[in-house]
PDB file of N, CA and C in Angstrom:
ATOM      1  N   MET A   1     -14.005 -14.873 -19.213  1.00  0.00           N
ATOM      2  CA  MET A   1     -12.897 -14.504 -20.059  1.00  0.00           C
ATOM      3  C   MET A   1     -11.662 -15.277 -19.647  1.00  0.00           C
ATOM      4  N   PRO A   2     -10.832 -15.653 -20.592  1.00  0.00           N
ATOM      5  CA  PRO A   2      -9.610 -16.371 -20.250  1.00  0.00           C
ATOM      6  C   PRO A   2      -8.576 -15.474 -19.569  1.00  0.00           C
ATOM      7  N   MET A   3      -7.827 -16.063 -18.660  1.00  0.00           N
ATOM      8  CA  MET A   3      -6.732 -15.369 -17.984  1.00  0.00           C
ATOM      9  C   MET A   3      -5.554 -15.276 -18.950  1.00  0.00           C
ATOM     10  N   LEU A   4      -5.030 -14.082 -19.154  1.00  0.00           N
ATOM     11  CA  LEU A   4      -3.877 -13.885 -20.031  1.00  0.00           C
ATOM     12  C   LEU A   4      -2.571 -13.813 -19.243  1.00  0.00           C
ATOM     13  N   ALA A   5      -2.623 -13.225 -18.046  1.00  0.00           N
ATOM     14  CA  ALA A   5      -1.429 -13.096 -17.212  1.00  0.00           C
ATOM     15  C   ALA A   5      -1.861 -12.717 -15.803  1.00  0.00           C
ATOM     16  N   GLN A   6      -1.008 -13.021 -14.839  1.00  0.00           N
ATOM     17  CA  GLN A   6      -1.272 -12.627 -13.451  1.00  0.00           C
ATOM     18  C   GLN A   6       0.045 -12.585 -12.697  1.00  0.00           C
ATOM     19  N   GLY A   7       0.049 -11.871 -11.582  1.00  0.00           N
ATOM     20  CA  GLY A   7       1.264 -11.800 -10.792  1.00  0.00           C
ATOM     21  C   GLY A   7       1.131 -10.879  -9.606  1.00  0.00           C
ATOM     22  N   ARG A   8       2.255 -10.595  -8.994  1.00  0.00           N
ATOM     23  CA  ARG A   8       2.354  -9.691  -7.846  1.00  0.00           C
ATOM     24  C   ARG A   8       3.496  -8.726  -8.127  1.00  0.00           C
ATOM     25  N   ILE A   9       3.304  -7.464  -7.788  1.00  0.00           N
ATOM     26  CA  ILE A   9       4.350  -6.472  -7.979  1.00  0.00           C
ATOM     27  C   ILE A   9       5.446  -6.738  -6.940  1.00  0.00           C
ATOM     28  N   ALA A  10       6.637  -7.084  -7.410  1.00  0.00           N
ATOM     29  CA  ALA A  10       7.693  -7.543  -6.519  1.00  0.00           C
ATOM     30  C   ALA A  10       8.553  -6.427  -5.936  1.00  0.00           C
ATOM     31  N   ALA A  11       8.695  -5.314  -6.648  1.00  0.00           N
ATOM     32  CA  ALA A  11       9.595  -4.256  -6.192  1.00  0.00           C
ATOM     33  C   ALA A  11       8.861  -2.919  -6.141  1.00  0.00           C
ATOM     34  N   ALA A  12       9.177  -2.122  -5.148  1.00  0.00           N
ATOM     35  CA  ALA A  12       8.548  -0.810  -5.000  1.00  0.00           C
ATOM     36  C   ALA A  12       9.098   0.172  -6.028  1.00  0.00           C
ATOM     37  N   ASN A  13       8.191   0.975  -6.579  1.00  0.00           N
ATOM     38  CA  ASN A  13       8.543   2.076  -7.478  1.00  0.00           C
ATOM     39  C   ASN A  13       9.402   1.650  -8.670  1.00  0.00           C
ATOM     40  N   THR A  14       9.215   0.421  -9.116  1.00  0.00           N
ATOM     41  CA  THR A  14       9.947  -0.114 -10.259  1.00  0.00           C
ATOM     42  C   THR A  14       8.947  -0.680 -11.256  1.00  0.00           C
ATOM     43  N   PRO A  15       8.843  -0.084 -12.443  1.00  0.00           N
ATOM     44  CA  PRO A  15       7.889  -0.615 -13.423  1.00  0.00           C
ATOM     45  C   PRO A  15       8.154  -2.087 -13.731  1.00  0.00           C
ATOM     46  N   GLN A  16       7.091  -2.865 -13.740  1.00  0.00           N
ATOM     47  CA  GLN A  16       7.165  -4.294 -14.022  1.00  0.00           C
ATOM     48  C   GLN A  16       6.318  -4.577 -15.254  1.00  0.00           C
ATOM     49  N   MET A  17       6.917  -5.198 -16.276  1.00  0.00           N
ATOM     50  CA  MET A  17       6.146  -5.546 -17.455  1.00  0.00           C
ATOM     51  C   MET A  17       5.232  -6.714 -17.111  1.00  0.00           C
ATOM     52  N   ALA A  18       3.937  -6.511 -17.312  1.00  0.00           N
ATOM     53  CA  ALA A  18       2.958  -7.516 -16.943  1.00  0.00           C
ATOM     54  C   ALA A  18       2.569  -8.416 -18.113  1.00  0.00           C
ATOM     55  N   TRP A  19       2.527  -7.853 -19.326  1.00  0.00           N
ATOM     56  CA  TRP A  19       2.011  -8.633 -20.456  1.00  0.00           C
ATOM     57  C   TRP A  19       2.376  -7.937 -21.755  1.00  0.00           C
ATOM     58  N   VAL A  20       2.515  -8.735 -22.809  1.00  0.00           N
ATOM     59  CA  VAL A  20       2.775  -8.222 -24.153  1.00  0.00           C
ATOM     60  C   VAL A  20       1.721  -8.793 -25.091  1.00  0.00           C
ATOM     61  N   ALA A  21       1.089  -7.935 -25.871  1.00  0.00           N
ATOM     62  CA  ALA A  21       0.115  -8.389 -26.861  1.00  0.00           C
ATOM     63  C   ALA A  21       0.851  -9.178 -27.945  1.00  0.00           C
ATOM     64  N   PRO A  22       0.416 -10.402 -28.218  1.00  0.00           N
ATOM     65  CA  PRO A  22       1.121 -11.247 -29.187  1.00  0.00           C
ATOM     66  C   PRO A  22       1.133 -10.657 -30.602  1.00  0.00           C
ATOM     67  N   PRO A  23       2.136 -11.019 -31.390  1.00  0.00           N
ATOM     68  CA  PRO A  23       2.178 -10.564 -32.779  1.00  0.00           C
ATOM     69  C   PRO A  23       0.907 -10.968 -33.530  1.00  0.00           C
ATOM     70  N   GLY A  24       0.431 -10.087 -34.367  1.00  0.00           N
ATOM     71  CA  GLY A  24      -0.750 -10.375 -35.170  1.00  0.00           C
ATOM     72  C   GLY A  24      -2.061 -10.309 -34.416  1.00  0.00           C
ATOM     73  N   SER A  25      -2.046  -9.848 -33.169  1.00  0.00           N
ATOM     74  CA  SER A  25      -3.268  -9.806 -32.369  1.00  0.00           C
ATOM     75  C   SER A  25      -3.808  -8.381 -32.267  1.00  0.00           C
ATOM     76  N   ALA A  26      -5.057  -8.294 -31.875  1.00  0.00           N
ATOM     77  CA  ALA A  26      -5.698  -7.017 -31.545  1.00  0.00           C
ATOM     78  C   ALA A  26      -6.489  -7.277 -30.266  1.00  0.00           C
ATOM     79  N   PRO A  27      -5.812  -7.374 -29.130  1.00  0.00           N
ATOM     80  CA  PRO A  27      -6.453  -7.826 -27.896  1.00  0.00           C
ATOM     81  C   PRO A  27      -7.457  -6.829 -27.307  1.00  0.00           C
ATOM     82  N   ASN A  28      -8.448  -7.390 -26.670  1.00  0.00           N
ATOM     83  CA  ASN A  28      -9.426  -6.666 -25.867  1.00  0.00           C
ATOM     84  C   ASN A  28      -9.367  -7.329 -24.503  1.00  0.00           C
ATOM     85  N   PHE A  29      -8.949  -6.583 -23.497  1.00  0.00           N
ATOM     86  CA  PHE A  29      -8.747  -7.213 -22.196  1.00  0.00           C
ATOM     87  C   PHE A  29      -9.162  -6.277 -21.070  1.00  0.00           C
ATOM     88  N   SER A  30      -9.180  -6.836 -19.882  1.00  0.00           N
ATOM     89  CA  SER A  30      -9.430  -6.091 -18.654  1.00  0.00           C
ATOM     90  C   SER A  30      -8.248  -6.322 -17.722  1.00  0.00           C
ATOM     91  N   ILE A  31      -7.987  -5.342 -16.874  1.00  0.00           N
ATOM     92  CA  ILE A  31      -6.911  -5.468 -15.893  1.00  0.00           C
ATOM     93  C   ILE A  31      -7.484  -5.163 -14.515  1.00  0.00           C
ATOM     94  N   ASN A  32      -7.114  -5.984 -13.548  1.00  0.00           N
ATOM     95  CA  ASN A  32      -7.590  -5.845 -12.181  1.00  0.00           C
ATOM     96  C   ASN A  32      -6.383  -5.806 -11.263  1.00  0.00           C
ATOM     97  N   LEU A  33      -6.347  -4.819 -10.360  1.00  0.00           N
ATOM     98  CA  LEU A  33      -5.289  -4.723  -9.358  1.00  0.00           C
ATOM     99  C   LEU A  33      -5.933  -4.736  -7.980  1.00  0.00           C
ATOM    100  N   CYS A  34      -5.329  -5.447  -7.044  1.00  0.00           N
ATOM    101  CA  CYS A  34      -5.890  -5.586  -5.698  1.00  0.00           C
ATOM    102  C   CYS A  34      -4.794  -5.375  -4.659  1.00  0.00           C
ATOM    103  N   ASN A  35      -5.016  -4.428  -3.748  1.00  0.00           N
ATOM    104  CA  ASN A  35      -4.092  -4.190  -2.649  1.00  0.00           C
ATOM    105  C   ASN A  35      -4.277  -5.288  -1.622  1.00  0.00           C
ATOM    106  N   ILE A  36      -3.234  -6.052  -1.355  1.00  0.00           N
ATOM    107  CA  ILE A  36      -3.300  -7.122  -0.363  1.00  0.00           C
ATOM    108  C   ILE A  36      -2.580  -6.735   0.928  1.00  0.00           C
ATOM    109  N   GLY A  37      -2.095  -5.498   0.984  1.00  0.00           N
ATOM    110  CA  GLY A  37      -1.347  -5.025   2.138  1.00  0.00           C
ATOM    111  C   GLY A  37      -2.210  -4.276   3.145  1.00  0.00           C
ATOM    112  N   ASP A  38      -1.580  -3.813   4.220  1.00  0.00           N
ATOM    113  CA  ASP A  38      -2.270  -3.146   5.319  1.00  0.00           C
ATOM    114  C   ASP A  38      -2.258  -1.626   5.233  1.00  0.00           C
ATOM    115  N   ALA A  39      -1.686  -1.063   4.180  1.00  0.00           N
ATOM    116  CA  ALA A  39      -1.582   0.392   4.052  1.00  0.00           C
ATOM    117  C   ALA A  39      -2.022   0.809   2.642  1.00  0.00           C
ATOM    118  N   ILE A  40      -2.322   2.078   2.494  1.00  0.00           N
ATOM    119  CA  ILE A  40      -2.639   2.619   1.173  1.00  0.00           C
ATOM    120  C   ILE A  40      -1.396   2.508   0.296  1.00  0.00           C
ATOM    121  N   VAL A  41      -1.593   2.081  -0.952  1.00  0.00           N
ATOM    122  CA  VAL A  41      -0.510   2.051  -1.933  1.00  0.00           C
ATOM    123  C   VAL A  41      -0.964   2.833  -3.165  1.00  0.00           C
ATOM    124  N   TYR A  42      -0.008   3.215  -3.976  1.00  0.00           N
ATOM    125  CA  TYR A  42      -0.286   3.969  -5.201  1.00  0.00           C
ATOM    126  C   TYR A  42       0.200   3.153  -6.387  1.00  0.00           C
ATOM    127  N   VAL A  43      -0.680   2.958  -7.351  1.00  0.00           N
ATOM    128  CA  VAL A  43      -0.337   2.153  -8.517  1.00  0.00           C
ATOM    129  C   VAL A  43      -0.430   2.982  -9.793  1.00  0.00           C
ATOM    130  N   SER A  44       0.409   2.624 -10.737  1.00  0.00           N
ATOM    131  CA  SER A  44       0.365   3.216 -12.074  1.00  0.00           C
ATOM    132  C   SER A  44       0.295   2.070 -13.069  1.00  0.00           C
ATOM    133  N   VAL A  45      -0.493   2.266 -14.126  1.00  0.00           N
ATOM    134  CA  VAL A  45      -0.602   1.296 -15.209  1.00  0.00           C
ATOM    135  C   VAL A  45      -0.342   2.055 -16.499  1.00  0.00           C
ATOM    136  N   ALA A  46       0.566   1.528 -17.305  1.00  0.00           N
ATOM    137  CA  ALA A  46       0.926   2.192 -18.553  1.00  0.00           C
ATOM    138  C   ALA A  46       1.083   1.165 -19.661  1.00  0.00           C
ATOM    139  N   TYR A  47       1.080   1.654 -20.887  1.00  0.00           N
ATOM    140  CA  TYR A  47       1.351   0.781 -22.032  1.00  0.00           C
ATOM    141  C   TYR A  47       2.304   1.496 -22.972  1.00  0.00           C
ATOM    142  N   GLN A  48       3.032   0.697 -23.739  1.00  0.00           N
ATOM    143  CA  GLN A  48       3.953   1.267 -24.716  1.00  0.00           C
ATOM    144  C   GLN A  48       4.261   0.229 -25.781  1.00  0.00           C
ATOM    145  N   GLN A  49       4.636   0.716 -26.938  1.00  0.00           N
ATOM    146  CA  GLN A  49       5.099  -0.158 -28.008  1.00  0.00           C
ATOM    147  C   GLN A  49       6.505  -0.615 -27.665  1.00  0.00           C
ATOM    148  N   GLU A  50       6.829  -1.864 -27.953  1.00  0.00           N
ATOM    149  CA  GLU A  50       8.168  -2.373 -27.682  1.00  0.00           C
ATOM    150  C   GLU A  50       9.207  -1.472 -28.331  1.00  0.00           C
ATOM    151  N   GLY A  51      10.199  -1.086 -27.551  1.00  0.00           N
ATOM    152  CA  GLY A  51      11.265  -0.235 -28.045  1.00  0.00           C
ATOM    153  C   GLY A  51      10.979   1.261 -27.959  1.00  0.00           C
ATOM    154  N   ALA A  52       9.763   1.634 -27.574  1.00  0.00           N
ATOM    155  CA  ALA A  52       9.425   3.056 -27.465  1.00  0.00           C
ATOM    156  C   ALA A  52      10.139   3.664 -26.259  1.00  0.00           C
ATOM    157  N   ALA A  53      10.470   4.928 -26.368  1.00  0.00           N
ATOM    158  CA  ALA A  53      11.196   5.613 -25.297  1.00  0.00           C
ATOM    159  C   ALA A  53      10.304   5.948 -24.108  1.00  0.00           C
ATOM    160  N   THR A  54       9.027   6.176 -24.341  1.00  0.00           N
ATOM    161  CA  THR A  54       8.138   6.551 -23.250  1.00  0.00           C
ATOM    162  C   THR A  54       6.861   5.711 -23.275  1.00  0.00           C
ATOM    163  N   ALA A  55       6.241   5.600 -22.132  1.00  0.00           N
ATOM    164  CA  ALA A  55       4.984   4.869 -21.986  1.00  0.00           C
ATOM    165  C   ALA A  55       3.827   5.859 -21.863  1.00  0.00           C
ATOM    166  N   ILE A  56       2.626   5.370 -22.114  1.00  0.00           N
ATOM    167  CA  ILE A  56       1.422   6.180 -21.997  1.00  0.00           C
ATOM    168  C   ILE A  56       0.631   5.669 -20.801  1.00  0.00           C
ATOM    169  N   ASN A  57       0.317   6.565 -19.866  1.00  0.00           N
ATOM    170  CA  ASN A  57      -0.366   6.165 -18.633  1.00  0.00           C
ATOM    171  C   ASN A  57      -1.855   5.920 -18.851  1.00  0.00           C
ATOM    172  N   MET A  58      -2.339   4.809 -18.292  1.00  0.00           N
ATOM    173  CA  MET A  58      -3.778   4.579 -18.157  1.00  0.00           C
ATOM    174  C   MET A  58      -4.213   5.069 -16.777  1.00  0.00           C
ATOM    175  N   GLU A  59      -3.365   4.856 -15.796  1.00  0.00           N
ATOM    176  CA  GLU A  59      -3.550   5.345 -14.427  1.00  0.00           C
ATOM    177  C   GLU A  59      -2.191   5.788 -13.930  1.00  0.00           C
ATOM    178  N   ASN A  60      -2.162   6.874 -13.155  1.00  0.00           N
ATOM    179  CA  ASN A  60      -0.906   7.363 -12.613  1.00  0.00           C
ATOM    180  C   ASN A  60      -1.062   7.658 -11.132  1.00  0.00           C
ATOM    181  N   LYS A  61      -0.371   6.878 -10.316  1.00  0.00           N
ATOM    182  CA  LYS A  61      -0.387   7.031  -8.854  1.00  0.00           C
ATOM    183  C   LYS A  61      -1.811   6.985  -8.306  1.00  0.00           C
ATOM    184  N   PHE A  62      -2.566   5.988  -8.740  1.00  0.00           N
ATOM    185  CA  PHE A  62      -3.943   5.782  -8.279  1.00  0.00           C
ATOM    186  C   PHE A  62      -3.895   5.152  -6.886  1.00  0.00           C
ATOM    187  N   PRO A  63      -4.578   5.728  -5.881  1.00  0.00           N
ATOM    188  CA  PRO A  63      -4.524   5.172  -4.526  1.00  0.00           C
ATOM    189  C   PRO A  63      -5.434   3.950  -4.375  1.00  0.00           C
ATOM    190  N   LEU A  64      -4.887   2.894  -3.811  1.00  0.00           N
ATOM    191  CA  LEU A  64      -5.668   1.715  -3.448  1.00  0.00           C
ATOM    192  C   LEU A  64      -5.683   1.607  -1.933  1.00  0.00           C
ATOM    193  N   ASP A  65      -6.857   1.549  -1.370  1.00  0.00           N
ATOM    194  CA  ASP A  65      -7.006   1.434   0.079  1.00  0.00           C
ATOM    195  C   ASP A  65      -6.492   0.082   0.570  1.00  0.00           C
ATOM    196  N   PRO A  66      -6.274  -0.069   1.891  1.00  0.00           N
ATOM    197  CA  PRO A  66      -5.762  -1.322   2.442  1.00  0.00           C
ATOM    198  C   PRO A  66      -6.684  -2.511   2.166  1.00  0.00           C
ATOM    199  N   ALA A  67      -6.112  -3.697   2.218  1.00  0.00           N
ATOM    200  CA  ALA A  67      -6.862  -4.939   2.029  1.00  0.00           C
ATOM    201  C   ALA A  67      -8.062  -4.979   2.965  1.00  0.00           C
ATOM    202  N   GLY A  68      -9.161  -5.508   2.460  1.00  0.00           N
ATOM    203  CA  GLY A  68     -10.358  -5.650   3.271  1.00  0.00           C
ATOM    204  C   GLY A  68     -11.238  -4.418   3.318  1.00  0.00           C
ATOM    205  N   THR A  69     -10.861  -3.355   2.627  1.00  0.00           N
ATOM    206  CA  THR A  69     -11.679  -2.153   2.598  1.00  0.00           C
ATOM    207  C   THR A  69     -12.300  -1.988   1.217  1.00  0.00           C
ATOM    208  N   LYS A  70     -13.258  -1.083   1.135  1.00  0.00           N
ATOM    209  CA  LYS A  70     -14.047  -0.916  -0.088  1.00  0.00           C
ATOM    210  C   LYS A  70     -13.229  -0.473  -1.298  1.00  0.00           C
ATOM    211  N   GLY A  71     -12.212   0.324  -1.112  1.00  0.00           N
ATOM    212  CA  GLY A  71     -11.455   0.870  -2.237  1.00  0.00           C
ATOM    213  C   GLY A  71     -10.134   0.179  -2.507  1.00  0.00           C
ATOM    214  N   ASN A  72     -10.024  -1.125  -2.217  1.00  0.00           N
ATOM    215  CA  ASN A  72      -8.724  -1.778  -2.370  1.00  0.00           C
ATOM    216  C   ASN A  72      -8.499  -2.396  -3.751  1.00  0.00           C
ATOM    217  N   THR A  73      -9.419  -2.154  -4.704  1.00  0.00           N
ATOM    218  CA  THR A  73      -9.221  -2.686  -6.048  1.00  0.00           C
ATOM    219  C   THR A  73      -9.358  -1.599  -7.101  1.00  0.00           C
ATOM    220  N   LEU A  74      -8.751  -1.863  -8.249  1.00  0.00           N
ATOM    221  CA  LEU A  74      -8.869  -1.023  -9.430  1.00  0.00           C
ATOM    222  C   LEU A  74      -9.078  -1.961 -10.607  1.00  0.00           C
ATOM    223  N   GLU A  75     -10.092  -1.693 -11.408  1.00  0.00           N
ATOM    224  CA  GLU A  75     -10.335  -2.495 -12.600  1.00  0.00           C
ATOM    225  C   GLU A  75     -10.596  -1.575 -13.782  1.00  0.00           C
ATOM    226  N   ARG A  76      -9.942  -1.870 -14.875  1.00  0.00           N
ATOM    227  CA  ARG A  76     -10.177  -1.164 -16.131  1.00  0.00           C
ATOM    228  C   ARG A  76     -10.568  -2.219 -17.158  1.00  0.00           C
ATOM    229  N   THR A  77     -11.697  -1.998 -17.817  1.00  0.00           N
ATOM    230  CA  THR A  77     -12.232  -2.985 -18.755  1.00  0.00           C
ATOM    231  C   THR A  77     -12.180  -2.461 -20.186  1.00  0.00           C
ATOM    232  N   ASN A  78     -12.317  -3.397 -21.119  1.00  0.00           N
ATOM    233  CA  ASN A  78     -12.355  -3.080 -22.548  1.00  0.00           C
ATOM    234  C   ASN A  78     -11.156  -2.265 -23.014  1.00  0.00           C
ATOM    235  N   VAL A  79      -9.979  -2.653 -22.565  1.00  0.00           N
ATOM    236  CA  VAL A  79      -8.749  -2.008 -23.003  1.00  0.00           C
ATOM    237  C   VAL A  79      -8.366  -2.625 -24.351  1.00  0.00           C
ATOM    238  N   LEU A  80      -8.126  -1.783 -25.330  1.00  0.00           N
ATOM    239  CA  LEU A  80      -7.755  -2.234 -26.669  1.00  0.00           C
ATOM    240  C   LEU A  80      -6.327  -1.800 -26.972  1.00  0.00           C
ATOM    241  N   LEU A  81      -5.506  -2.750 -27.377  1.00  0.00           N
ATOM    242  CA  LEU A  81      -4.127  -2.448 -27.748  1.00  0.00           C
ATOM    243  C   LEU A  81      -3.807  -3.084 -29.088  1.00  0.00           C
ATOM    244  N   SER A  82      -2.714  -2.668 -29.666  1.00  0.00           N
ATOM    245  CA  SER A  82      -2.217  -3.252 -30.908  1.00  0.00           C
ATOM    246  C   SER A  82      -1.213  -4.350 -30.595  1.00  0.00           C
ATOM    247  N   ALA A  83      -0.942  -5.172 -31.584  1.00  0.00           N
ATOM    248  CA  ALA A  83       0.057  -6.229 -31.435  1.00  0.00           C
ATOM    249  C   ALA A  83       1.392  -5.634 -30.998  1.00  0.00           C
ATOM    250  N   GLY A  84       2.071  -6.339 -30.103  1.00  0.00           N
ATOM    251  CA  GLY A  84       3.382  -5.910 -29.635  1.00  0.00           C
ATOM    252  C   GLY A  84       3.368  -4.875 -28.525  1.00  0.00           C
ATOM    253  N   MET A  85       2.198  -4.351 -28.171  1.00  0.00           N
ATOM    254  CA  MET A  85       2.137  -3.372 -27.081  1.00  0.00           C
ATOM    255  C   MET A  85       2.383  -4.079 -25.746  1.00  0.00           C
ATOM    256  N   GLN A  86       3.052  -3.387 -24.846  1.00  0.00           N
ATOM    257  CA  GLN A  86       3.388  -3.920 -23.523  1.00  0.00           C
ATOM    258  C   GLN A  86       2.574  -3.202 -22.447  1.00  0.00           C
ATOM    259  N   VAL A  87       2.160  -3.944 -21.430  1.00  0.00           N
ATOM    260  CA  VAL A  87       1.472  -3.370 -20.275  1.00  0.00           C
ATOM    261  C   VAL A  87       2.449  -3.383 -19.105  1.00  0.00           C
ATOM    262  N   TRP A  88       2.611  -2.229 -18.455  1.00  0.00           N
ATOM    263  CA  TRP A  88       3.533  -2.063 -17.335  1.00  0.00           C
ATOM    264  C   TRP A  88       2.761  -1.624 -16.099  1.00  0.00           C
ATOM    265  N   ILE A  89       3.154  -2.141 -14.924  1.00  0.00           N
ATOM    266  CA  ILE A  89       2.515  -1.778 -13.658  1.00  0.00           C
ATOM    267  C   ILE A  89       3.603  -1.351 -12.679  1.00  0.00           C
ATOM    268  N   THR A  90       3.327  -0.295 -11.924  1.00  0.00           N
ATOM    269  CA  THR A  90       4.236   0.189 -10.884  1.00  0.00           C
ATOM    270  C   THR A  90       3.441   0.345  -9.599  1.00  0.00           C
ATOM    271  N   CYS A  91       4.043   0.023  -8.467  1.00  0.00           N
ATOM    272  CA  CYS A  91       3.389   0.154  -7.163  1.00  0.00           C
ATOM    273  C   CYS A  91       4.359   0.808  -6.182  1.00  0.00           C
ATOM    274  N   SER A  92       3.810   1.574  -5.260  1.00  0.00           N
ATOM    275  CA  SER A  92       4.645   2.283  -4.286  1.00  0.00           C
ATOM    276  C   SER A  92       5.232   1.377  -3.202  1.00  0.00           C
ATOM    277  N   GLU A  93       4.729   0.150  -3.077  1.00  0.00           N
ATOM    278  CA  GLU A  93       5.224  -0.796  -2.066  1.00  0.00           C
ATOM    279  C   GLU A  93       5.472  -2.154  -2.711  1.00  0.00           C
ATOM    280  N   ALA A  94       6.502  -2.842  -2.264  1.00  0.00           N
ATOM    281  CA  ALA A  94       6.793  -4.185  -2.773  1.00  0.00           C
ATOM    282  C   ALA A  94       5.805  -5.200  -2.197  1.00  0.00           C
ATOM    283  N   ASN A  95       5.439  -6.166  -3.006  1.00  0.00           N
ATOM    284  CA  ASN A  95       4.600  -7.309  -2.595  1.00  0.00           C
ATOM    285  C   ASN A  95       3.268  -6.903  -1.975  1.00  0.00           C
ATOM    286  N   ALA A  96       2.705  -5.772  -2.403  1.00  0.00           N
ATOM    287  CA  ALA A  96       1.442  -5.303  -1.835  1.00  0.00           C
ATOM    288  C   ALA A  96       0.271  -5.388  -2.811  1.00  0.00           C
ATOM    289  N   VAL A  97       0.546  -5.640  -4.094  1.00  0.00           N
ATOM    290  CA  VAL A  97      -0.531  -5.631  -5.085  1.00  0.00           C
ATOM    291  C   VAL A  97      -0.451  -6.867  -5.978  1.00  0.00           C
ATOM    292  N   ASP A  98      -1.562  -7.585  -6.042  1.00  0.00           N
ATOM    293  CA  ASP A  98      -1.734  -8.666  -7.009  1.00  0.00           C
ATOM    294  C   ASP A  98      -2.462  -8.112  -8.214  1.00  0.00           C
ATOM    295  N   TRP A  99      -2.166  -8.631  -9.400  1.00  0.00           N
ATOM    296  CA  TRP A  99      -2.826  -8.152 -10.615  1.00  0.00           C
ATOM    297  C   TRP A  99      -3.200  -9.323 -11.510  1.00  0.00           C
ATOM    298  N   GLN A 100      -4.214  -9.097 -12.327  1.00  0.00           N
ATOM    299  CA  GLN A 100      -4.666 -10.082 -13.314  1.00  0.00           C
ATOM    300  C   GLN A 100      -5.019  -9.344 -14.595  1.00  0.00           C
ATOM    301  N   ILE A 101      -4.684  -9.952 -15.716  1.00  0.00           N
ATOM    302  CA  ILE A 101      -5.114  -9.467 -17.025  1.00  0.00           C
ATOM    303  C   ILE A 101      -5.888 -10.601 -17.664  1.00  0.00           C
ATOM    304  N   TYR A 102      -7.101 -10.315 -18.056  1.00  0.00           N
ATOM    305  CA  TYR A 102      -7.933 -11.353 -18.671  1.00  0.00           C
ATOM    306  C   TYR A 102      -8.677 -10.769 -19.854  1.00  0.00           C
ATOM    307  N   GLY A 103      -8.890 -11.589 -20.872  1.00  0.00           N
ATOM    308  CA  GLY A 103      -9.573 -11.115 -22.060  1.00  0.00           C
ATOM    309  C   GLY A 103      -9.296 -12.001 -23.251  1.00  0.00           C
ATOM    310  N   TYR A 104      -9.308 -11.389 -24.442  1.00  0.00           N
ATOM    311  CA  TYR A 104      -9.174 -12.129 -25.688  1.00  0.00           C
ATOM    312  C   TYR A 104      -8.077 -11.542 -26.552  1.00  0.00           C
ATOM    313  N   GLU A 105      -7.269 -12.414 -27.128  1.00  0.00           N
ATOM    314  CA  GLU A 105      -6.197 -12.022 -28.039  1.00  0.00           C
ATOM    315  C   GLU A 105      -6.696 -12.240 -29.469  1.00  0.00           C
ATOM    316  N   ALA A 106      -7.646 -11.458 -29.919  1.00  0.00           N
ATOM    317  CA  ALA A 106      -8.261 -11.670 -31.233  1.00  0.00           C
ATOM    318  C   ALA A 106      -7.290 -11.366 -32.350  1.00  0.00           C
TER     319      ALA A 106
END
């Protein structure tokens, strides 16, 4: 699958917009988060329509174990969104989680 976006969560407890579904698209994608730090972190993944007052959680404060352990990743597959929807990621620690979004913008 093609890579749509990737990055690292730069600030603790601050939602970071990771990706926006392009106009006219109906994307099907997967999202992968990986703890690269030495401690347990908590991640949230949400989506919302541009301009909406609130987001809808896909995951809320999901624990990721430290790097190098069995539970240090989270992957959600076959996520379907409408055009213009935004994906937001929040992490309890700065610079501790890398993320990738890959899929198709049909």
